[in-house]
PDB file of all heavy atoms in Angstrom:
ATOM      1  N   ALA A   1      37.716  48.346 -54.518  1.00  0.00           N
ATOM      2  CA  ALA A   1      37.476  47.185 -55.413  1.00  0.00           C
ATOM      3  C   ALA A   1      38.079  45.866 -54.765  1.00  0.00           C
ATOM      4  O   ALA A   1      37.407  44.939 -54.601  1.00  0.00           O
ATOM      5  CB  ALA A   1      38.001  47.298 -56.867  1.00  0.00           C
ATOM      6  N   ARG A   2      39.361  46.073 -54.304  1.00  0.00           N
ATOM      7  CA  ARG A   2      39.986  44.900 -53.860  1.00  0.00           C
ATOM      8  C   ARG A   2      39.437  44.476 -52.440  1.00  0.00           C
ATOM      9  O   ARG A   2      39.268  43.188 -52.181  1.00  0.00           O
ATOM     10  CB  ARG A   2      41.570  45.215 -53.694  1.00  0.00           C
ATOM     11  CG  ARG A   2      42.279  45.277 -55.040  1.00  0.00           C
ATOM     12  CD  ARG A   2      43.833  45.482 -54.847  1.00  0.00           C
ATOM     13  NE  ARG A   2      44.097  46.841 -54.540  1.00  0.00           N
ATOM     14  CZ  ARG A   2      44.234  47.793 -55.389  1.00  0.00           C
ATOM     15  NH1 ARG A   2      44.109  47.487 -56.603  1.00  0.00           N
ATOM     16  NH2 ARG A   2      44.645  49.041 -54.969  1.00  0.00           N
ATOM     17  N   VAL A   3      39.087  45.427 -51.581  1.00  0.00           N
ATOM     18  CA  VAL A   3      38.488  45.010 -50.243  1.00  0.00           C
ATOM     19  C   VAL A   3      37.044  44.566 -50.509  1.00  0.00           C
ATOM     20  O   VAL A   3      36.597  43.666 -49.859  1.00  0.00           O
ATOM     21  CB  VAL A   3      38.537  46.299 -49.405  1.00  0.00           C
ATOM     22  CG1 VAL A   3      37.681  45.982 -48.155  1.00  0.00           C
ATOM     23  CG2 VAL A   3      39.930  46.566 -49.037  1.00  0.00           C
ATOM     24  N   GLY A   4      36.320  45.305 -51.436  1.00  0.00           N
ATOM     25  CA  GLY A   4      34.904  44.934 -51.581  1.00  0.00           C
ATOM     26  C   GLY A   4      34.758  43.540 -52.111  1.00  0.00           C
ATOM     27  O   GLY A   4      33.756  42.969 -51.632  1.00  0.00           O
ATOM     28  N   VAL A   5      35.485  43.076 -53.089  1.00  0.00           N
ATOM     29  CA  VAL A   5      35.179  41.769 -53.623  1.00  0.00           C
ATOM     30  C   VAL A   5      35.627  40.647 -52.603  1.00  0.00           C
ATOM     31  O   VAL A   5      34.937  39.622 -52.560  1.00  0.00           O
ATOM     32  CB  VAL A   5      36.101  41.614 -54.903  1.00  0.00           C
ATOM     33  CG1 VAL A   5      35.378  42.337 -56.098  1.00  0.00           C
ATOM     34  CG2 VAL A   5      37.553  41.668 -54.820  1.00  0.00           C
ATOM     35  N   ARG A   6      36.556  40.907 -51.802  1.00  0.00           N
ATOM     36  CA  ARG A   6      36.919  39.924 -50.752  1.00  0.00           C
ATOM     37  C   ARG A   6      35.946  39.911 -49.592  1.00  0.00           C
ATOM     38  O   ARG A   6      35.418  38.953 -49.107  1.00  0.00           O
ATOM     39  CB  ARG A   6      38.293  40.240 -50.156  1.00  0.00           C
ATOM     40  CG  ARG A   6      38.695  39.350 -49.099  1.00  0.00           C
ATOM     41  CD  ARG A   6      38.633  37.876 -49.441  1.00  0.00           C
ATOM     42  NE  ARG A   6      38.876  37.013 -48.262  1.00  0.00           N
ATOM     43  CZ  ARG A   6      38.176  35.862 -48.078  1.00  0.00           C
ATOM     44  NH1 ARG A   6      37.334  35.363 -48.906  1.00  0.00           N
ATOM     45  NH2 ARG A   6      38.574  35.146 -46.965  1.00  0.00           N
ATOM     46  N   LEU A   7      35.434  41.190 -49.167  1.00  0.00           N
ATOM     47  CA  LEU A   7      34.324  41.230 -48.282  1.00  0.00           C
ATOM     48  C   LEU A   7      33.123  40.455 -48.669  1.00  0.00           C
ATOM     49  O   LEU A   7      32.530  39.659 -47.831  1.00  0.00           O
ATOM     50  CB  LEU A   7      33.954  42.657 -47.921  1.00  0.00           C
ATOM     51  CG  LEU A   7      34.730  43.391 -46.926  1.00  0.00           C
ATOM     52  CD1 LEU A   7      34.252  44.864 -46.849  1.00  0.00           C
ATOM     53  CD2 LEU A   7      34.542  42.840 -45.455  1.00  0.00           C
ATOM     54  N   HIS A   8      32.722  40.585 -49.989  1.00  0.00           N
ATOM     55  CA  HIS A   8      31.581  39.963 -50.497  1.00  0.00           C
ATOM     56  C   HIS A   8      31.830  38.393 -50.574  1.00  0.00           C
ATOM     57  O   HIS A   8      30.992  37.693 -50.094  1.00  0.00           O
ATOM     58  CB  HIS A   8      31.389  40.497 -51.956  1.00  0.00           C
ATOM     59  CG  HIS A   8      30.053  40.233 -52.514  1.00  0.00           C
ATOM     60  ND1 HIS A   8      29.889  39.417 -53.705  1.00  0.00           N
ATOM     61  CD2 HIS A   8      28.841  40.436 -52.125  1.00  0.00           C
ATOM     62  CE1 HIS A   8      28.573  39.302 -53.945  1.00  0.00           C
ATOM     63  NE2 HIS A   8      27.917  39.980 -52.995  1.00  0.00           N
ATOM     64  N   ALA A   9      32.973  38.010 -51.039  1.00  0.00           N
ATOM     65  CA  ALA A   9      33.284  36.585 -51.039  1.00  0.00           C
ATOM     66  C   ALA A   9      33.317  35.954 -49.626  1.00  0.00           C
ATOM     67  O   ALA A   9      32.649  34.934 -49.389  1.00  0.00           O
ATOM     68  CB  ALA A   9      34.564  36.356 -51.700  1.00  0.00           C
ATOM     69  N   ARG A  10      33.847  36.629 -48.712  1.00  0.00           N
ATOM     70  CA  ARG A  10      33.939  36.137 -47.241  1.00  0.00           C
ATOM     71  C   ARG A  10      32.551  36.134 -46.648  1.00  0.00           C
ATOM     72  O   ARG A  10      32.234  35.143 -45.921  1.00  0.00           O
ATOM     73  CB  ARG A  10      34.784  37.062 -46.450  1.00  0.00           C
ATOM     74  CG  ARG A  10      34.956  36.648 -44.937  1.00  0.00           C
ATOM     75  CD  ARG A  10      35.449  35.286 -44.910  1.00  0.00           C
ATOM     76  NE  ARG A  10      35.513  34.808 -43.419  1.00  0.00           N
ATOM     77  CZ  ARG A  10      35.522  33.511 -43.150  1.00  0.00           C
ATOM     78  NH1 ARG A  10      35.356  32.622 -44.089  1.00  0.00           N
ATOM     79  NH2 ARG A  10      35.485  33.207 -41.864  1.00  0.00           N
ATOM     80  N   ALA A  11      31.670  37.022 -47.053  1.00  0.00           N
ATOM     81  CA  ALA A  11      30.247  37.055 -46.593  1.00  0.00           C
ATOM     82  C   ALA A  11      29.603  35.779 -47.176  1.00  0.00           C
ATOM     83  O   ALA A  11      28.782  35.157 -46.460  1.00  0.00           O
ATOM     84  CB  ALA A  11      29.630  38.231 -46.843  1.00  0.00           C
ATOM     85  N   GLY A  12      29.863  35.561 -48.409  1.00  0.00           N
ATOM     86  CA  GLY A  12      29.328  34.329 -49.042  1.00  0.00           C
ATOM     87  C   GLY A  12      29.775  33.031 -48.306  1.00  0.00           C
ATOM     88  O   GLY A  12      29.004  32.072 -48.104  1.00  0.00           O
ATOM     89  N   GLU A  13      31.001  33.011 -48.000  1.00  0.00           N
ATOM     90  CA  GLU A  13      31.563  31.731 -47.220  1.00  0.00           C
ATOM     91  C   GLU A  13      30.772  31.621 -45.858  1.00  0.00           C
ATOM     92  O   GLU A  13      30.379  30.439 -45.450  1.00  0.00           O
ATOM     93  CB  GLU A  13      33.075  31.999 -46.855  1.00  0.00           C
ATOM     94  CG  GLU A  13      33.870  31.870 -48.143  1.00  0.00           C
ATOM     95  CD  GLU A  13      35.227  32.431 -47.949  1.00  0.00           C
ATOM     96  OE1 GLU A  13      35.683  32.791 -46.761  1.00  0.00           O
ATOM     97  OE2 GLU A  13      35.917  32.666 -48.907  1.00  0.00           O
ATOM     98  N   ARG A  14      30.562  32.768 -45.196  1.00  0.00           N
ATOM     99  CA  ARG A  14      29.843  32.709 -43.862  1.00  0.00           C
ATOM    100  C   ARG A  14      28.413  32.359 -44.134  1.00  0.00           C
ATOM    101  O   ARG A  14      27.841  31.476 -43.316  1.00  0.00           O
ATOM    102  CB  ARG A  14      29.909  34.061 -43.222  1.00  0.00           C
ATOM    103  CG  ARG A  14      31.344  34.445 -42.763  1.00  0.00           C
ATOM    104  CD  ARG A  14      31.354  35.895 -42.180  1.00  0.00           C
ATOM    105  NE  ARG A  14      30.620  35.952 -41.035  1.00  0.00           N
ATOM    106  CZ  ARG A  14      31.037  35.809 -39.609  1.00  0.00           C
ATOM    107  NH1 ARG A  14      32.329  35.544 -39.485  1.00  0.00           N
ATOM    108  NH2 ARG A  14      30.196  35.920 -38.588  1.00  0.00           N
ATOM    109  N   ALA A  15      27.821  32.889 -45.108  1.00  0.00           N
ATOM    110  CA  ALA A  15      26.385  32.558 -45.384  1.00  0.00           C
ATOM    111  C   ALA A  15      26.150  31.113 -45.742  1.00  0.00           C
ATOM    112  O   ALA A  15      25.163  30.423 -45.390  1.00  0.00           O
ATOM    113  CB  ALA A  15      25.816  33.390 -46.515  1.00  0.00           C
ATOM    114  N   ALA A  16      27.206  30.529 -46.402  1.00  0.00           N
ATOM    115  CA  ALA A  16      27.026  29.033 -46.843  1.00  0.00           C
ATOM    116  C   ALA A  16      27.002  28.193 -45.555  1.00  0.00           C
ATOM    117  O   ALA A  16      26.439  27.192 -45.427  1.00  0.00           O
ATOM    118  CB  ALA A  16      28.272  28.732 -47.611  1.00  0.00           C
ATOM    119  N   ARG A  17      27.746  28.641 -44.445  1.00  0.00           N
ATOM    120  CA  ARG A  17      27.772  27.847 -43.173  1.00  0.00           C
ATOM    121  C   ARG A  17      26.366  27.921 -42.620  1.00  0.00           C
ATOM    122  O   ARG A  17      25.994  26.869 -41.798  1.00  0.00           O
ATOM    123  CB  ARG A  17      28.836  28.374 -42.157  1.00  0.00           C
ATOM    124  CG  ARG A  17      30.142  28.231 -42.772  1.00  0.00           C
ATOM    125  CD  ARG A  17      31.188  28.109 -41.582  1.00  0.00           C
ATOM    126  NE  ARG A  17      31.340  29.569 -40.943  1.00  0.00           N
ATOM    127  CZ  ARG A  17      32.127  30.381 -41.198  1.00  0.00           C
ATOM    128  NH1 ARG A  17      33.099  30.194 -42.068  1.00  0.00           N
ATOM    129  NH2 ARG A  17      32.183  31.514 -40.530  1.00  0.00           N
ATOM    130  N   VAL A  18      25.623  28.930 -42.783  1.00  0.00           N
ATOM    131  CA  VAL A  18      24.347  29.099 -42.201  1.00  0.00           C
ATOM    132  C   VAL A  18      23.253  28.509 -43.128  1.00  0.00           C
ATOM    133  O   VAL A  18      22.231  27.645 -42.542  1.00  0.00           O
ATOM    134  CB  VAL A  18      23.847  30.710 -41.932  1.00  0.00           C
ATOM    135  CG1 VAL A  18      22.587  30.767 -41.282  1.00  0.00           C
ATOM    136  CG2 VAL A  18      24.934  31.306 -41.086  1.00  0.00           C
ATOM    137  N   PHE A  19      23.264  28.764 -44.419  1.00  0.00           N
ATOM    138  CA  PHE A  19      22.161  28.385 -45.153  1.00  0.00           C
ATOM    139  C   PHE A  19      22.363  27.128 -46.104  1.00  0.00           C
ATOM    140  O   PHE A  19      21.555  26.740 -46.789  1.00  0.00           O
ATOM    141  CB  PHE A  19      21.717  29.598 -46.141  1.00  0.00           C
ATOM    142  CG  PHE A  19      21.276  30.802 -45.272  1.00  0.00           C
ATOM    143  CD1 PHE A  19      22.119  31.868 -45.149  1.00  0.00           C
ATOM    144  CD2 PHE A  19      20.012  30.827 -44.803  1.00  0.00           C
ATOM    145  CE1 PHE A  19      21.753  32.914 -44.369  1.00  0.00           C
ATOM    146  CE2 PHE A  19      19.506  31.827 -44.043  1.00  0.00           C
ATOM    147  CZ  PHE A  19      20.451  32.946 -43.774  1.00  0.00           C
ATOM    148  N   GLY A  20      23.622  26.719 -46.145  1.00  0.00           N
ATOM    149  CA  GLY A  20      23.962  25.535 -47.027  1.00  0.00           C
ATOM    150  C   GLY A  20      24.385  26.009 -48.410  1.00  0.00           C
ATOM    151  O   GLY A  20      25.019  27.022 -48.504  1.00  0.00           O
ATOM    152  N   TYR A  21      23.900  25.266 -49.409  1.00  0.00           N
ATOM    153  CA  TYR A  21      24.475  25.434 -50.841  1.00  0.00           C
ATOM    154  C   TYR A  21      23.711  26.703 -51.385  1.00  0.00           C
ATOM    155  O   TYR A  21      24.448  27.536 -52.004  1.00  0.00           O
ATOM    156  CB  TYR A  21      24.198  24.246 -51.494  1.00  0.00           C
ATOM    157  CG  TYR A  21      24.657  24.249 -52.939  1.00  0.00           C
ATOM    158  CD1 TYR A  21      26.016  24.162 -53.215  1.00  0.00           C
ATOM    159  CD2 TYR A  21      23.798  24.436 -54.060  1.00  0.00           C
ATOM    160  CE1 TYR A  21      26.547  24.216 -54.540  1.00  0.00           C
ATOM    161  CE2 TYR A  21      24.212  24.489 -55.344  1.00  0.00           C
ATOM    162  CZ  TYR A  21      25.539  24.418 -55.534  1.00  0.00           C
ATOM    163  OH  TYR A  21      26.099  24.410 -56.845  1.00  0.00           O
ATOM    164  N   GLY A  22      22.459  26.668 -51.534  1.00  0.00           N
ATOM    165  CA  GLY A  22      21.807  27.800 -52.233  1.00  0.00           C
ATOM    166  C   GLY A  22      21.822  29.130 -51.474  1.00  0.00           C
ATOM    167  O   GLY A  22      21.210  29.105 -50.300  1.00  0.00           O
ATOM    168  N   LEU A  23      22.307  30.111 -51.984  1.00  0.00           N
ATOM    169  CA  LEU A  23      22.332  31.440 -51.344  1.00  0.00           C
ATOM    170  C   LEU A  23      21.593  32.430 -51.996  1.00  0.00           C
ATOM    171  O   LEU A  23      21.727  32.640 -53.156  1.00  0.00           O
ATOM    172  CB  LEU A  23      23.769  31.801 -51.011  1.00  0.00           C
ATOM    173  CG  LEU A  23      24.813  30.749 -50.361  1.00  0.00           C
ATOM    174  CD1 LEU A  23      26.097  31.393 -50.277  1.00  0.00           C
ATOM    175  CD2 LEU A  23      24.181  30.499 -48.870  1.00  0.00           C
ATOM    176  N   GLY A  24      20.955  33.367 -51.191  1.00  0.00           N
ATOM    177  CA  GLY A  24      20.436  34.476 -51.780  1.00  0.00           C
ATOM    178  C   GLY A  24      21.190  35.767 -51.507  1.00  0.00           C
ATOM    179  O   GLY A  24      21.933  35.751 -50.582  1.00  0.00           O
ATOM    180  N   ALA A  25      21.021  36.788 -52.359  1.00  0.00           N
ATOM    181  CA  ALA A  25      21.789  38.027 -52.149  1.00  0.00           C
ATOM    182  C   ALA A  25      21.658  38.634 -50.785  1.00  0.00           C
ATOM    183  O   ALA A  25      22.523  39.132 -50.174  1.00  0.00           O
ATOM    184  CB  ALA A  25      21.567  39.006 -53.276  1.00  0.00           C
ATOM    185  N   THR A  26      20.360  38.477 -50.210  1.00  0.00           N
ATOM    186  CA  THR A  26      20.162  38.992 -48.918  1.00  0.00           C
ATOM    187  C   THR A  26      20.916  38.295 -47.852  1.00  0.00           C
ATOM    188  O   THR A  26      21.436  38.743 -46.755  1.00  0.00           O
ATOM    189  CB  THR A  26      18.645  39.144 -48.516  1.00  0.00           C
ATOM    190  OG1 THR A  26      18.062  37.842 -48.885  1.00  0.00           O
ATOM    191  CG2 THR A  26      17.954  40.073 -49.495  1.00  0.00           C
ATOM    192  N   ASP A  27      21.005  36.856 -47.986  1.00  0.00           N
ATOM    193  CA  ASP A  27      21.631  35.997 -47.117  1.00  0.00           C
ATOM    194  C   ASP A  27      23.197  36.673 -46.974  1.00  0.00           C
ATOM    195  O   ASP A  27      23.747  36.694 -45.930  1.00  0.00           O
ATOM    196  CB  ASP A  27      21.787  34.581 -47.526  1.00  0.00           C
ATOM    197  CG  ASP A  27      20.438  33.933 -47.724  1.00  0.00           C
ATOM    198  OD1 ASP A  27      19.469  34.422 -47.019  1.00  0.00           O
ATOM    199  OD2 ASP A  27      20.208  33.040 -48.646  1.00  0.00           O
TER     200      ASP A  27
END
């Protein structure tokens, strides 16, 4: 749980650098 939520959040941070504001789950 602790690792998973941080991995997911960090992936969202990385995706935002690529796709901008609106993100999809696949991004």
